[in-house]
Structures are given as structure tokens and as C-alpha cells.
Amino acid sequence: MSYDYPELYYRIYPKVISRVDEHLSGNYSMEEITKEQMEKMVDDIYIKMVEECPEIHEDPYERRHRGRYRGMQNIFYGRSRIVRDLITILLISELLRRNQSFYPL
């Protein structure tokens, strides 16, 4: 049985590869990447995705449709949060993959 990845994966993954290539540039050590650098990489990829697909940043089910009091109490995960999480997962996965291939078992 063949499983295809969602279209969003095919749009994000090349950007992740490109950003990792730019950042590492021959240095394959993941230990040297700080949390701030990681967040910057995620932000850069997210900005490119919003330029390509502006609907990601414009969530139709914003909190304004809920009651003010109730909307403030519930945790809200919109499209932008989900896309950022997916970018982070793919970024960490790629960094780990490269780190593992650099240090053979």
C-alpha cells in the first residue's frame, strides 16, 4: 500500500532542505545550533510559506467568532501554529538525519 504525504509537506520540505543547507554549510554538528537559531530558521521558512500560500496566515476560524470570555480560556491552535509545528518537526528530522549520516554507527 502506498501512502502519499500531504501537499503541504511537498511545499515545506524543499524549503527546509534549502535552509539547513544554508545554515550548516559544511558543518554537520547539530549540537552547535541554538534555540534562537532554530526559531529563526522556522520563522524564515514560515515567511516563505506565507508568501507562497497566504491563506496559511489567514485562519477563517479566528477567536473573534467565539465569545470573548470563552475564547480567552480555550487554547487556540490555528493554521499558522500547525504549519510552524510541521516546519519544526521537518527541520529537526532533517538535522537529525544529517547528524546521523555524518557519524556512522
C-alpha atoms as a PDB file:
ATOM      1  CA  MET A   1       0.000   0.000   0.000  1.00  0.00           C
ATOM      2  CA  SER A   2       1.375   3.397  -0.936  1.00  0.00           C
ATOM      3  CA  TYR A   3       0.889   6.441   1.304  1.00  0.00           C
ATOM      4  CA  ASP A   4       1.377   9.915  -0.074  1.00  0.00           C
ATOM      5  CA  TYR A   5       2.364  12.839   2.057  1.00  0.00           C
ATOM      6  CA  PRO A   6       0.040  15.866   2.135  1.00  0.00           C
ATOM      7  CA  GLU A   7       0.672  18.585  -0.417  1.00  0.00           C
ATOM      8  CA  LEU A   8       1.871  20.887   2.352  1.00  0.00           C
ATOM      9  CA  TYR A   9       4.787  18.532   3.019  1.00  0.00           C
ATOM     10  CA  TYR A  10       5.949  18.814  -0.590  1.00  0.00           C
ATOM     11  CA  ARG A  11       5.858  22.613  -0.313  1.00  0.00           C
ATOM     12  CA  ILE A  12       7.650  22.840   3.045  1.00  0.00           C
ATOM     13  CA  TYR A  13      10.305  20.136   2.753  1.00  0.00           C
ATOM     14  CA  PRO A  14      12.348  21.727  -0.079  1.00  0.00           C
ATOM     15  CA  LYS A  15      12.441  24.980   1.895  1.00  0.00           C
ATOM     16  CA  VAL A  16      13.646  23.101   4.970  1.00  0.00           C
ATOM     17  CA  ILE A  17      16.411  21.404   2.964  1.00  0.00           C
ATOM     18  CA  SER A  18      17.480  24.728   1.479  1.00  0.00           C
ATOM     19  CA  ARG A  19      17.522  26.475   4.868  1.00  0.00           C
ATOM     20  CA  VAL A  20      19.516  23.663   6.512  1.00  0.00           C
ATOM     21  CA  ASP A  21      21.999  23.736   3.636  1.00  0.00           C
ATOM     22  CA  GLU A  22      22.421  27.498   4.052  1.00  0.00           C
ATOM     23  CA  HIS A  23      22.796  27.294   7.815  1.00  0.00           C
ATOM     24  CA  LEU A  24      25.115  24.316   8.116  1.00  0.00           C
ATOM     25  CA  SER A  25      27.274  24.955   5.032  1.00  0.00           C
ATOM     26  CA  GLY A  26      29.608  22.037   5.635  1.00  0.00           C
ATOM     27  CA  ASN A  27      29.361  21.950   9.434  1.00  0.00           C
ATOM     28  CA  TYR A  28      27.184  18.947  10.228  1.00  0.00           C
ATOM     29  CA  SER A  29      27.104  19.348  14.014  1.00  0.00           C
ATOM     30  CA  MET A  30      23.584  19.820  15.346  1.00  0.00           C
ATOM     31  CA  GLU A  31      24.849  20.460  18.879  1.00  0.00           C
ATOM     32  CA  GLU A  32      26.007  23.939  17.913  1.00  0.00           C
ATOM     33  CA  ILE A  33      22.550  25.139  16.833  1.00  0.00           C
ATOM     34  CA  THR A  34      20.963  27.316  19.497  1.00  0.00           C
ATOM     35  CA  LYS A  35      17.251  27.608  20.224  1.00  0.00           C
ATOM     36  CA  GLU A  36      17.279  31.155  18.787  1.00  0.00           C
ATOM     37  CA  GLN A  37      18.870  29.933  15.539  1.00  0.00           C
ATOM     38  CA  MET A  38      16.293  27.172  15.292  1.00  0.00           C
ATOM     39  CA  GLU A  39      13.421  29.635  15.818  1.00  0.00           C
ATOM     40  CA  LYS A  40      14.930  31.969  13.200  1.00  0.00           C
ATOM     41  CA  MET A  41      15.094  29.120  10.700  1.00  0.00           C
ATOM     42  CA  VAL A  42      11.447  28.200  11.398  1.00  0.00           C
ATOM     43  CA  ASP A  43      10.411  31.870  11.059  1.00  0.00           C
ATOM     44  CA  ASP A  44      12.251  32.209   7.727  1.00  0.00           C
ATOM     45  CA  ILE A  45      10.617  29.091   6.310  1.00  0.00           C
ATOM     46  CA  TYR A  46       7.203  30.171   7.616  1.00  0.00           C
ATOM     47  CA  ILE A  47       7.543  33.587   5.941  1.00  0.00           C
ATOM     48  CA  LYS A  48       8.367  31.883   2.636  1.00  0.00           C
ATOM     49  CA  MET A  49       5.330  29.644   3.044  1.00  0.00           C
ATOM     50  CA  VAL A  50       3.043  32.612   3.757  1.00  0.00           C
ATOM     51  CA  GLU A  51       4.345  34.337   0.618  1.00  0.00           C
ATOM     52  CA  GLU A  52       3.552  31.200  -1.379  1.00  0.00           C
ATOM     53  CA  CYS A  53       0.260  30.365   0.381  1.00  0.00           C
ATOM     54  CA  PRO A  54      -1.192  33.455   2.109  1.00  0.00           C
ATOM     55  CA  GLU A  55      -4.222  31.507   3.324  1.00  0.00           C
ATOM     56  CA  ILE A  56      -1.964  29.825   5.919  1.00  0.00           C
ATOM     57  CA  HIS A  57      -1.684  33.062   7.865  1.00  0.00           C
ATOM     58  CA  GLU A  58      -5.387  33.944   7.473  1.00  0.00           C
ATOM     59  CA  ASP A  59      -7.325  31.452   9.563  1.00  0.00           C
ATOM     60  CA  PRO A  60     -11.102  31.663   8.946  1.00  0.00           C
ATOM     61  CA  TYR A  61     -11.918  30.318  12.408  1.00  0.00           C
ATOM     62  CA  GLU A  62     -10.241  33.005  14.470  1.00  0.00           C
ATOM     63  CA  ARG A  63     -11.243  33.672  18.041  1.00  0.00           C
ATOM     64  CA  ARG A  64     -13.444  36.575  17.029  1.00  0.00           C
ATOM     65  CA  HIS A  65     -16.194  34.082  16.164  1.00  0.00           C
ATOM     66  CA  ARG A  66     -16.286  32.825  19.732  1.00  0.00           C
ATOM     67  CA  GLY A  67     -17.479  34.595  22.833  1.00  0.00           C
ATOM     68  CA  ARG A  68     -14.856  36.909  24.307  1.00  0.00           C
ATOM     69  CA  TYR A  69     -14.682  35.207  27.713  1.00  0.00           C
ATOM     70  CA  ARG A  70     -14.821  31.649  26.375  1.00  0.00           C
ATOM     71  CA  GLY A  71     -12.293  32.339  23.616  1.00  0.00           C
ATOM     72  CA  MET A  72      -9.750  33.614  26.108  1.00  0.00           C
ATOM     73  CA  GLN A  73      -9.900  30.429  28.203  1.00  0.00           C
ATOM     74  CA  ASN A  74      -9.510  27.852  25.454  1.00  0.00           C
ATOM     75  CA  ILE A  75      -6.148  27.073  23.905  1.00  0.00           C
ATOM     76  CA  PHE A  76      -6.259  28.046  20.232  1.00  0.00           C
ATOM     77  CA  TYR A  77      -4.243  26.297  17.547  1.00  0.00           C
ATOM     78  CA  GLY A  78      -4.811  27.852  14.152  1.00  0.00           C
ATOM     79  CA  ARG A  79      -3.291  27.091  10.786  1.00  0.00           C
ATOM     80  CA  SER A  80      -0.197  29.151  11.466  1.00  0.00           C
ATOM     81  CA  ARG A  81       0.597  27.195  14.649  1.00  0.00           C
ATOM     82  CA  ILE A  82       0.118  23.862  12.890  1.00  0.00           C
ATOM     83  CA  VAL A  83       2.302  24.912   9.949  1.00  0.00           C
ATOM     84  CA  ARG A  84       5.018  26.185  12.314  1.00  0.00           C
ATOM     85  CA  ASP A  85       4.904  22.881  14.191  1.00  0.00           C
ATOM     86  CA  LEU A  86       5.195  20.922  10.948  1.00  0.00           C
ATOM     87  CA  ILE A  87       8.152  23.070   9.856  1.00  0.00           C
ATOM     88  CA  THR A  88       9.831  22.469  13.226  1.00  0.00           C
ATOM     89  CA  ILE A  89       9.291  18.711  13.018  1.00  0.00           C
ATOM     90  CA  LEU A  90      10.691  18.537   9.491  1.00  0.00           C
ATOM     91  CA  LEU A  91      13.625  20.756  10.444  1.00  0.00           C
ATOM     92  CA  ILE A  92      14.559  18.641  13.465  1.00  0.00           C
ATOM     93  CA  SER A  93      14.104  15.467  11.433  1.00  0.00           C
ATOM     94  CA  GLU A  94      16.435  16.732   8.709  1.00  0.00           C
ATOM     95  CA  LEU A  95      19.055  17.873  11.215  1.00  0.00           C
ATOM     96  CA  LEU A  96      18.971  14.506  12.978  1.00  0.00           C
ATOM     97  CA  ARG A  97      19.150  12.656   9.666  1.00  0.00           C
ATOM     98  CA  ARG A  98      22.200  14.628   8.615  1.00  0.00           C
ATOM     99  CA  ASN A  99      23.818  14.285  12.005  1.00  0.00           C
ATOM    100  CA  GLN A 100      23.300  10.514  11.966  1.00  0.00           C
ATOM    101  CA  SER A 101      24.695  10.111   8.446  1.00  0.00           C
ATOM    102  CA  PHE A 102      27.785  12.111   9.433  1.00  0.00           C
ATOM    103  CA  TYR A 103      28.551   9.829  12.386  1.00  0.00           C
ATOM    104  CA  PRO A 104      28.316   6.234  11.164  1.00  0.00           C
ATOM    105  CA  LEU A 105      27.246   3.604  13.691  1.00  0.00           C
END
